[in-house]
């Protein structure tokens, strides 16, 4: 909102989700810990390096995609950015807490409830309603599996991302639910969860592609709703979903092809 140029404000909105939010960080850390550093004597150091590399990649792709957008659909003359700092005043703790609760927490929770309630019903239905001998979750995952494997994942992983649209935090539990055929539950043990994934053919290349797709895929539903409220445009809201999705799919496709050629 503090960016004066409407063009550059749109670029910032479209590339906003390239940098991981608090919802994506737990999934990133879990993937790194379970599949990329497990068993290593220097697992902590390697994990830190991989996390640093992942965040650096997200920042790099933000700059690259911003550059592409500024040369294509959002052409224009670059505008200067001026941030005027207000006079410093001693904060009033009570007022800060009150305004934070009213202006931030309640609004975000309200939007989350609007999206999460129907999403919870859909997830429950997918795991409890059968089509023939299989649940809807298993049936859909099997149907999209050939497409998902083009990008180094499988149908269960991709469908987990789709069902996790309301909140990125639930992506891994939904994937585990799909592999186990059980109910949605917390991931209480990384070792047990890793064994479950490995038992279903999940390997290192799958882990890398899943990690990249966690970094680059559609925003969560609350973010999409916020983008629509800010832009008042279906066009820019849809573009904000398509751009990170195409970025993630492209990177995963190249990683998958490279792994088949050189590994």
C-alpha atoms as a PDB file:
ATOM      1  CA  UNK A   1       0.000   0.000   0.000  1.00  0.00           C
ATOM      2  CA  UNK A   2       2.933   2.352   0.511  1.00  0.00           C
ATOM      3  CA  UNK A   3       4.114   1.868  -3.087  1.00  0.00           C
ATOM      4  CA  UNK A   4       2.828   4.846  -5.070  1.00  0.00           C
ATOM      5  CA  UNK A   5       3.082   3.292  -8.536  1.00  0.00           C
ATOM      6  CA  UNK A   6       0.051   1.033  -9.299  1.00  0.00           C
ATOM      7  CA  UNK A   7       2.225  -0.925 -11.753  1.00  0.00           C
ATOM      8  CA  UNK A   8       4.945  -1.694  -9.225  1.00  0.00           C
ATOM      9  CA  UNK A   9       2.348  -2.390  -6.552  1.00  0.00           C
ATOM     10  CA  UNK A  10       0.899  -5.106  -8.806  1.00  0.00           C
ATOM     11  CA  UNK A  11       4.360  -6.594  -9.382  1.00  0.00           C
ATOM     12  CA  UNK A  12       4.864  -6.746  -5.616  1.00  0.00           C
ATOM     13  CA  UNK A  13       1.446  -8.381  -5.139  1.00  0.00           C
ATOM     14  CA  UNK A  14       2.015 -11.016  -7.825  1.00  0.00           C
ATOM     15  CA  UNK A  15       5.471 -11.994  -6.520  1.00  0.00           C
ATOM     16  CA  UNK A  16       4.582 -11.669  -2.840  1.00  0.00           C
ATOM     17  CA  UNK A  17       4.159 -15.410  -2.217  1.00  0.00           C
ATOM     18  CA  UNK A  18       7.554 -16.311  -3.698  1.00  0.00           C
ATOM     19  CA  UNK A  19       9.143 -15.746  -0.292  1.00  0.00           C
ATOM     20  CA  UNK A  20       7.930 -18.443   2.149  1.00  0.00           C
ATOM     21  CA  UNK A  21       5.404 -17.472   4.803  1.00  0.00           C
ATOM     22  CA  UNK A  22       5.085 -18.963   8.284  1.00  0.00           C
ATOM     23  CA  UNK A  23       2.768 -21.607   6.858  1.00  0.00           C
ATOM     24  CA  UNK A  24       5.375 -22.935   4.419  1.00  0.00           C
ATOM     25  CA  UNK A  25       8.393 -22.932   6.722  1.00  0.00           C
ATOM     26  CA  UNK A  26       7.319 -25.983   8.810  1.00  0.00           C
ATOM     27  CA  UNK A  27       6.781 -28.031   5.636  1.00  0.00           C
ATOM     28  CA  UNK A  28      10.163 -26.937   4.233  1.00  0.00           C
ATOM     29  CA  UNK A  29      11.954 -27.813   7.475  1.00  0.00           C
ATOM     30  CA  UNK A  30      10.181 -31.188   7.661  1.00  0.00           C
ATOM     31  CA  UNK A  31      11.086 -32.133   4.075  1.00  0.00           C
ATOM     32  CA  UNK A  32      14.724 -31.132   4.592  1.00  0.00           C
ATOM     33  CA  UNK A  33      14.973 -33.011   7.903  1.00  0.00           C
ATOM     34  CA  UNK A  34      13.224 -36.181   6.714  1.00  0.00           C
ATOM     35  CA  UNK A  35      14.714 -36.693   3.271  1.00  0.00           C
ATOM     36  CA  UNK A  36      17.743 -34.493   2.582  1.00  0.00           C
ATOM     37  CA  UNK A  37      19.828 -34.592   5.773  1.00  0.00           C
ATOM     38  CA  UNK A  38      18.632 -37.704   7.605  1.00  0.00           C
ATOM     39  CA  UNK A  39      21.486 -39.841   8.927  1.00  0.00           C
ATOM     40  CA  UNK A  40      24.221 -37.305   8.231  1.00  0.00           C
ATOM     41  CA  UNK A  41      26.772 -36.454  10.939  1.00  0.00           C
ATOM     42  CA  UNK A  42      26.484 -32.802   9.972  1.00  0.00           C
ATOM     43  CA  UNK A  43      22.716 -32.729   9.542  1.00  0.00           C
ATOM     44  CA  UNK A  44      22.287 -29.402  11.339  1.00  0.00           C
ATOM     45  CA  UNK A  45      24.880 -27.659   9.166  1.00  0.00           C
ATOM     46  CA  UNK A  46      23.548 -29.205   5.959  1.00  0.00           C
ATOM     47  CA  UNK A  47      19.983 -28.299   6.923  1.00  0.00           C
ATOM     48  CA  UNK A  48      21.025 -24.705   7.525  1.00  0.00           C
ATOM     49  CA  UNK A  49      22.776 -24.559   4.153  1.00  0.00           C
ATOM     50  CA  UNK A  50      19.787 -26.044   2.328  1.00  0.00           C
ATOM     51  CA  UNK A  51      17.396 -23.637   4.063  1.00  0.00           C
ATOM     52  CA  UNK A  52      19.661 -20.726   3.150  1.00  0.00           C
ATOM     53  CA  UNK A  53      19.783 -21.944  -0.437  1.00  0.00           C
ATOM     54  CA  UNK A  54      15.990 -22.323  -0.557  1.00  0.00           C
ATOM     55  CA  UNK A  55      15.390 -18.799   0.705  1.00  0.00           C
ATOM     56  CA  UNK A  56      18.060 -17.429  -1.644  1.00  0.00           C
ATOM     57  CA  UNK A  57      16.337 -19.198  -4.548  1.00  0.00           C
ATOM     58  CA  UNK A  58      12.992 -17.676  -3.566  1.00  0.00           C
ATOM     59  CA  UNK A  59      14.507 -14.180  -3.450  1.00  0.00           C
ATOM     60  CA  UNK A  60      16.274 -14.747  -6.779  1.00  0.00           C
ATOM     61  CA  UNK A  61      13.061 -15.930  -8.455  1.00  0.00           C
ATOM     62  CA  UNK A  62      11.224 -12.927  -7.021  1.00  0.00           C
ATOM     63  CA  UNK A  63      13.721 -10.632  -8.749  1.00  0.00           C
ATOM     64  CA  UNK A  64      13.675 -12.634 -12.002  1.00  0.00           C
ATOM     65  CA  UNK A  65       9.885 -12.825 -12.255  1.00  0.00           C
ATOM     66  CA  UNK A  66       9.535  -9.163 -11.264  1.00  0.00           C
ATOM     67  CA  UNK A  67      11.909  -8.278 -14.092  1.00  0.00           C
ATOM     68  CA  UNK A  68       9.942 -10.410 -16.568  1.00  0.00           C
ATOM     69  CA  UNK A  69       6.635  -8.860 -15.511  1.00  0.00           C
ATOM     70  CA  UNK A  70       8.049  -5.345 -15.794  1.00  0.00           C
ATOM     71  CA  UNK A  71       9.109  -6.096 -19.390  1.00  0.00           C
ATOM     72  CA  UNK A  72       5.875  -7.819 -20.479  1.00  0.00           C
ATOM     73  CA  UNK A  73       2.380  -7.488 -19.015  1.00  0.00           C
ATOM     74  CA  UNK A  74       3.331  -4.660 -16.667  1.00  0.00           C
ATOM     75  CA  UNK A  75       5.532  -2.474 -18.852  1.00  0.00           C
ATOM     76  CA  UNK A  76       6.186   1.038 -17.677  1.00  0.00           C
ATOM     77  CA  UNK A  77       8.683   3.572 -16.457  1.00  0.00           C
ATOM     78  CA  UNK A  78      10.244   2.627 -13.099  1.00  0.00           C
ATOM     79  CA  UNK A  79       9.133   4.904 -10.300  1.00  0.00           C
ATOM     80  CA  UNK A  80      11.136   6.063  -7.333  1.00  0.00           C
ATOM     81  CA  UNK A  81      10.322   4.702  -3.911  1.00  0.00           C
ATOM     82  CA  UNK A  82      10.146   7.183  -1.062  1.00  0.00           C
ATOM     83  CA  UNK A  83       9.335   6.104   2.462  1.00  0.00           C
ATOM     84  CA  UNK A  84       8.522   8.949   4.809  1.00  0.00           C
ATOM     85  CA  UNK A  85       9.069   7.999   8.424  1.00  0.00           C
ATOM     86  CA  UNK A  86       6.570   9.497  10.886  1.00  0.00           C
ATOM     87  CA  UNK A  87       7.708  11.265  14.061  1.00  0.00           C
ATOM     88  CA  UNK A  88       8.758   8.826  16.749  1.00  0.00           C
ATOM     89  CA  UNK A  89       6.364   8.482  19.660  1.00  0.00           C
ATOM     90  CA  UNK A  90       6.555   6.231  22.681  1.00  0.00           C
ATOM     91  CA  UNK A  91       4.212   3.311  21.964  1.00  0.00           C
ATOM     92  CA  UNK A  92       1.196   2.754  24.159  1.00  0.00           C
ATOM     93  CA  UNK A  93       1.188  -0.957  24.871  1.00  0.00           C
ATOM     94  CA  UNK A  94      -2.537  -1.245  25.477  1.00  0.00           C
ATOM     95  CA  UNK A  95      -3.447   0.619  22.306  1.00  0.00           C
ATOM     96  CA  UNK A  96      -0.986  -1.398  20.223  1.00  0.00           C
ATOM     97  CA  UNK A  97      -2.444  -4.690  21.476  1.00  0.00           C
ATOM     98  CA  UNK A  98      -6.030  -3.507  20.958  1.00  0.00           C
ATOM     99  CA  UNK A  99      -5.463  -2.268  17.410  1.00  0.00           C
ATOM    100  CA  UNK A 100      -3.463  -5.385  16.525  1.00  0.00           C
ATOM    101  CA  UNK A 101      -6.298  -7.631  17.698  1.00  0.00           C
ATOM    102  CA  UNK A 102      -9.028  -5.613  15.981  1.00  0.00           C
ATOM    103  CA  UNK A 103      -7.241  -4.680  12.753  1.00  0.00           C
ATOM    104  CA  UNK A 104      -5.117  -7.758  12.165  1.00  0.00           C
ATOM    105  CA  UNK A 105      -5.910 -10.880  14.186  1.00  0.00           C
ATOM    106  CA  UNK A 106      -9.706 -10.844  14.018  1.00  0.00           C
ATOM    107  CA  UNK A 107      -9.778  -9.905  10.336  1.00  0.00           C
ATOM    108  CA  UNK A 108      -7.340 -12.685   9.394  1.00  0.00           C
ATOM    109  CA  UNK A 109      -9.143 -15.231  11.587  1.00  0.00           C
ATOM    110  CA  UNK A 110     -12.455 -14.221  10.057  1.00  0.00           C
ATOM    111  CA  UNK A 111     -11.154 -14.789   6.549  1.00  0.00           C
ATOM    112  CA  UNK A 112      -9.550 -18.077   7.617  1.00  0.00           C
ATOM    113  CA  UNK A 113     -12.837 -19.358   9.062  1.00  0.00           C
ATOM    114  CA  UNK A 114     -14.724 -18.439   5.889  1.00  0.00           C
ATOM    115  CA  UNK A 115     -12.262 -20.494   3.851  1.00  0.00           C
ATOM    116  CA  UNK A 116     -11.307 -23.240   6.316  1.00  0.00           C
ATOM    117  CA  UNK A 117     -14.811 -24.422   7.199  1.00  0.00           C
ATOM    118  CA  UNK A 118     -15.844 -25.503   3.687  1.00  0.00           C
ATOM    119  CA  UNK A 119     -12.291 -26.773   3.048  1.00  0.00           C
ATOM    120  CA  UNK A 120     -12.464 -28.972   6.150  1.00  0.00           C
ATOM    121  CA  UNK A 121     -15.722 -30.443   4.907  1.00  0.00           C
ATOM    122  CA  UNK A 122     -14.159 -31.167   1.489  1.00  0.00           C
ATOM    123  CA  UNK A 123     -11.088 -32.836   3.031  1.00  0.00           C
ATOM    124  CA  UNK A 124     -13.292 -34.974   5.291  1.00  0.00           C
ATOM    125  CA  UNK A 125     -15.472 -35.976   2.332  1.00  0.00           C
ATOM    126  CA  UNK A 126     -12.465 -36.890   0.194  1.00  0.00           C
ATOM    127  CA  UNK A 127     -11.097 -39.208   2.876  1.00  0.00           C
ATOM    128  CA  UNK A 128     -14.409 -40.807   3.881  1.00  0.00           C
ATOM    129  CA  UNK A 129     -16.510 -41.105   0.716  1.00  0.00           C
ATOM    130  CA  UNK A 130     -15.735 -44.045  -1.521  1.00  0.00           C
ATOM    131  CA  UNK A 131     -15.874 -44.367  -5.295  1.00  0.00           C
ATOM    132  CA  UNK A 132     -16.039 -48.109  -5.826  1.00  0.00           C
ATOM    133  CA  UNK A 133     -13.431 -49.630  -3.519  1.00  0.00           C
ATOM    134  CA  UNK A 134     -11.316 -46.484  -3.121  1.00  0.00           C
ATOM    135  CA  UNK A 135     -11.816 -43.176  -1.334  1.00  0.00           C
ATOM    136  CA  UNK A 136     -12.218 -39.987  -3.337  1.00  0.00           C
ATOM    137  CA  UNK A 137      -8.757 -38.974  -2.124  1.00  0.00           C
ATOM    138  CA  UNK A 138      -7.153 -42.137  -3.487  1.00  0.00           C
ATOM    139  CA  UNK A 139      -9.181 -42.046  -6.718  1.00  0.00           C
ATOM    140  CA  UNK A 140      -8.250 -38.457  -7.576  1.00  0.00           C
ATOM    141  CA  UNK A 141      -4.616 -38.996  -6.571  1.00  0.00           C
ATOM    142  CA  UNK A 142      -4.420 -42.000  -8.901  1.00  0.00           C
ATOM    143  CA  UNK A 143      -6.043 -40.049 -11.752  1.00  0.00           C
ATOM    144  CA  UNK A 144      -3.575 -37.135 -11.593  1.00  0.00           C
ATOM    145  CA  UNK A 145      -0.533 -39.320 -10.851  1.00  0.00           C
ATOM    146  CA  UNK A 146       0.809 -39.422 -14.465  1.00  0.00           C
ATOM    147  CA  UNK A 147       0.651 -35.619 -14.663  1.00  0.00           C
ATOM    148  CA  UNK A 148       2.294 -35.176 -11.256  1.00  0.00           C
ATOM    149  CA  UNK A 149       5.173 -37.500 -12.166  1.00  0.00           C
ATOM    150  CA  UNK A 150       6.177 -35.171 -14.991  1.00  0.00           C
ATOM    151  CA  UNK A 151       7.197 -32.751 -12.238  1.00  0.00           C
ATOM    152  CA  UNK A 152       8.973 -35.181  -9.934  1.00  0.00           C
ATOM    153  CA  UNK A 153       6.023 -35.739  -7.586  1.00  0.00           C
ATOM    154  CA  UNK A 154       3.137 -38.212  -7.473  1.00  0.00           C
ATOM    155  CA  UNK A 155      -0.639 -37.833  -7.477  1.00  0.00           C
ATOM    156  CA  UNK A 156      -0.918 -38.026  -3.710  1.00  0.00           C
ATOM    157  CA  UNK A 157       1.602 -35.211  -3.181  1.00  0.00           C
ATOM    158  CA  UNK A 158       0.015 -32.957  -5.801  1.00  0.00           C
ATOM    159  CA  UNK A 159      -3.500 -33.576  -4.488  1.00  0.00           C
ATOM    160  CA  UNK A 160      -2.189 -32.812  -0.997  1.00  0.00           C
ATOM    161  CA  UNK A 161      -1.113 -29.379  -2.228  1.00  0.00           C
ATOM    162  CA  UNK A 162      -4.520 -28.836  -3.838  1.00  0.00           C
ATOM    163  CA  UNK A 163      -6.432 -29.742  -0.674  1.00  0.00           C
ATOM    164  CA  UNK A 164      -4.063 -27.572   1.371  1.00  0.00           C
ATOM    165  CA  UNK A 165      -5.224 -24.448  -0.472  1.00  0.00           C
ATOM    166  CA  UNK A 166      -6.843 -23.046   2.716  1.00  0.00           C
ATOM    167  CA  UNK A 167      -3.588 -23.308   4.710  1.00  0.00           C
ATOM    168  CA  UNK A 168      -0.114 -24.418   3.654  1.00  0.00           C
ATOM    169  CA  UNK A 169       0.506 -25.972   7.078  1.00  0.00           C
ATOM    170  CA  UNK A 170      -1.780 -28.931   6.357  1.00  0.00           C
ATOM    171  CA  UNK A 171      -0.139 -30.032   3.084  1.00  0.00           C
ATOM    172  CA  UNK A 172       2.201 -32.643   4.612  1.00  0.00           C
ATOM    173  CA  UNK A 173      -0.444 -34.120   6.966  1.00  0.00           C
ATOM    174  CA  UNK A 174      -2.801 -34.521   3.996  1.00  0.00           C
ATOM    175  CA  UNK A 175      -0.055 -36.268   2.019  1.00  0.00           C
ATOM    176  CA  UNK A 176       0.582 -38.592   4.971  1.00  0.00           C
ATOM    177  CA  UNK A 177      -3.161 -39.214   5.223  1.00  0.00           C
ATOM    178  CA  UNK A 178      -3.274 -40.146   1.550  1.00  0.00           C
ATOM    179  CA  UNK A 179      -0.363 -42.581   1.874  1.00  0.00           C
ATOM    180  CA  UNK A 180      -1.731 -44.203   5.026  1.00  0.00           C
ATOM    181  CA  UNK A 181      -5.397 -44.153   4.072  1.00  0.00           C
ATOM    182  CA  UNK A 182      -6.196 -42.843   7.551  1.00  0.00           C
ATOM    183  CA  UNK A 183      -7.605 -39.663   9.027  1.00  0.00           C
ATOM    184  CA  UNK A 184      -5.940 -36.265   9.006  1.00  0.00           C
ATOM    185  CA  UNK A 185      -3.578 -36.057  11.954  1.00  0.00           C
ATOM    186  CA  UNK A 186      -0.549 -34.189  13.204  1.00  0.00           C
ATOM    187  CA  UNK A 187       2.895 -35.363  12.180  1.00  0.00           C
ATOM    188  CA  UNK A 188       4.132 -36.503  15.583  1.00  0.00           C
ATOM    189  CA  UNK A 189       7.306 -38.281  14.426  1.00  0.00           C
ATOM    190  CA  UNK A 190       9.439 -37.282  11.453  1.00  0.00           C
ATOM    191  CA  UNK A 191      11.030 -40.741  11.349  1.00  0.00           C
ATOM    192  CA  UNK A 192       7.650 -42.496  11.142  1.00  0.00           C
ATOM    193  CA  UNK A 193       6.393 -40.081   8.524  1.00  0.00           C
ATOM    194  CA  UNK A 194       9.574 -40.442   6.449  1.00  0.00           C
ATOM    195  CA  UNK A 195       9.227 -44.238   6.580  1.00  0.00           C
ATOM    196  CA  UNK A 196       5.622 -43.930   5.390  1.00  0.00           C
ATOM    197  CA  UNK A 197       6.675 -41.748   2.457  1.00  0.00           C
ATOM    198  CA  UNK A 198       9.596 -44.041   1.546  1.00  0.00           C
ATOM    199  CA  UNK A 199       7.280 -47.062   1.651  1.00  0.00           C
ATOM    200  CA  UNK A 200       5.184 -45.427  -1.055  1.00  0.00           C
ATOM    201  CA  UNK A 201       8.118 -44.857  -3.410  1.00  0.00           C
ATOM    202  CA  UNK A 202       9.028 -41.342  -2.276  1.00  0.00           C
ATOM    203  CA  UNK A 203      12.714 -40.669  -2.980  1.00  0.00           C
ATOM    204  CA  UNK A 204      15.313 -37.896  -2.918  1.00  0.00           C
ATOM    205  CA  UNK A 205      14.300 -36.414  -6.282  1.00  0.00           C
ATOM    206  CA  UNK A 206      10.664 -36.398  -5.138  1.00  0.00           C
ATOM    207  CA  UNK A 207      11.727 -34.606  -1.962  1.00  0.00           C
ATOM    208  CA  UNK A 208      13.652 -31.934  -3.896  1.00  0.00           C
ATOM    209  CA  UNK A 209      10.760 -31.329  -6.295  1.00  0.00           C
ATOM    210  CA  UNK A 210       8.290 -31.219  -3.414  1.00  0.00           C
ATOM    211  CA  UNK A 211      10.525 -28.719  -1.613  1.00  0.00           C
ATOM    212  CA  UNK A 212      10.680 -26.506  -4.703  1.00  0.00           C
ATOM    213  CA  UNK A 213       6.918 -26.751  -5.174  1.00  0.00           C
ATOM    214  CA  UNK A 214       6.397 -25.733  -1.545  1.00  0.00           C
ATOM    215  CA  UNK A 215       8.418 -22.611  -2.336  1.00  0.00           C
ATOM    216  CA  UNK A 216       6.623 -21.875  -5.605  1.00  0.00           C
ATOM    217  CA  UNK A 217       2.939 -22.666  -5.942  1.00  0.00           C
ATOM    218  CA  UNK A 218      -0.343 -20.837  -5.589  1.00  0.00           C
ATOM    219  CA  UNK A 219      -0.930 -18.600  -2.552  1.00  0.00           C
ATOM    220  CA  UNK A 220      -3.188 -19.875   0.215  1.00  0.00           C
ATOM    221  CA  UNK A 221      -6.891 -19.047   0.010  1.00  0.00           C
ATOM    222  CA  UNK A 222      -6.677 -16.248   2.577  1.00  0.00           C
ATOM    223  CA  UNK A 223      -3.928 -14.562   0.551  1.00  0.00           C
ATOM    224  CA  UNK A 224      -5.923 -14.960  -2.670  1.00  0.00           C
ATOM    225  CA  UNK A 225      -8.931 -13.364  -0.985  1.00  0.00           C
ATOM    226  CA  UNK A 226      -6.735 -10.507   0.257  1.00  0.00           C
ATOM    227  CA  UNK A 227      -5.288  -9.970  -3.228  1.00  0.00           C
ATOM    228  CA  UNK A 228      -8.788  -9.732  -4.682  1.00  0.00           C
ATOM    229  CA  UNK A 229      -9.834  -7.232  -2.012  1.00  0.00           C
ATOM    230  CA  UNK A 230      -6.743  -5.112  -2.672  1.00  0.00           C
ATOM    231  CA  UNK A 231      -6.822  -5.178  -6.486  1.00  0.00           C
ATOM    232  CA  UNK A 232     -10.600  -5.482  -7.065  1.00  0.00           C
ATOM    233  CA  UNK A 233      -9.636  -7.397 -10.199  1.00  0.00           C
ATOM    234  CA  UNK A 234     -10.215 -11.029 -11.097  1.00  0.00           C
ATOM    235  CA  UNK A 235      -7.531 -10.704 -13.784  1.00  0.00           C
ATOM    236  CA  UNK A 236      -4.718  -9.783 -11.384  1.00  0.00           C
ATOM    237  CA  UNK A 237      -5.942 -12.231  -8.753  1.00  0.00           C
ATOM    238  CA  UNK A 238      -5.831 -15.098 -11.264  1.00  0.00           C
ATOM    239  CA  UNK A 239      -2.398 -13.962 -12.476  1.00  0.00           C
ATOM    240  CA  UNK A 240      -1.188 -13.967  -8.863  1.00  0.00           C
ATOM    241  CA  UNK A 241      -2.099 -17.663  -8.758  1.00  0.00           C
ATOM    242  CA  UNK A 242      -0.841 -18.650 -12.220  1.00  0.00           C
ATOM    243  CA  UNK A 243       2.595 -16.962 -12.097  1.00  0.00           C
ATOM    244  CA  UNK A 244       3.970 -18.781  -9.008  1.00  0.00           C
ATOM    245  CA  UNK A 245       2.305 -22.026 -10.130  1.00  0.00           C
ATOM    246  CA  UNK A 246       3.975 -21.942 -13.558  1.00  0.00           C
ATOM    247  CA  UNK A 247       7.272 -21.021 -11.918  1.00  0.00           C
ATOM    248  CA  UNK A 248       7.096 -23.992  -9.562  1.00  0.00           C
ATOM    249  CA  UNK A 249       6.014 -26.459 -12.248  1.00  0.00           C
ATOM    250  CA  UNK A 250       8.769 -25.283 -14.609  1.00  0.00           C
ATOM    251  CA  UNK A 251      11.506 -25.657 -11.984  1.00  0.00           C
ATOM    252  CA  UNK A 252      10.211 -29.075 -10.893  1.00  0.00           C
ATOM    253  CA  UNK A 253      10.019 -30.252 -14.510  1.00  0.00           C
ATOM    254  CA  UNK A 254      13.635 -29.285 -15.208  1.00  0.00           C
ATOM    255  CA  UNK A 255      14.829 -30.872 -11.949  1.00  0.00           C
ATOM    256  CA  UNK A 256      12.963 -34.084 -12.797  1.00  0.00           C
ATOM    257  CA  UNK A 257      14.350 -34.220 -16.351  1.00  0.00           C
ATOM    258  CA  UNK A 258      17.880 -33.439 -15.134  1.00  0.00           C
ATOM    259  CA  UNK A 259      17.664 -36.237 -12.562  1.00  0.00           C
ATOM    260  CA  UNK A 260      16.700 -38.749 -15.276  1.00  0.00           C
ATOM    261  CA  UNK A 261      19.536 -37.615 -17.543  1.00  0.00           C
ATOM    262  CA  UNK A 262      22.367 -37.412 -15.036  1.00  0.00           C
ATOM    263  CA  UNK A 263      21.457 -39.729 -12.157  1.00  0.00           C
END
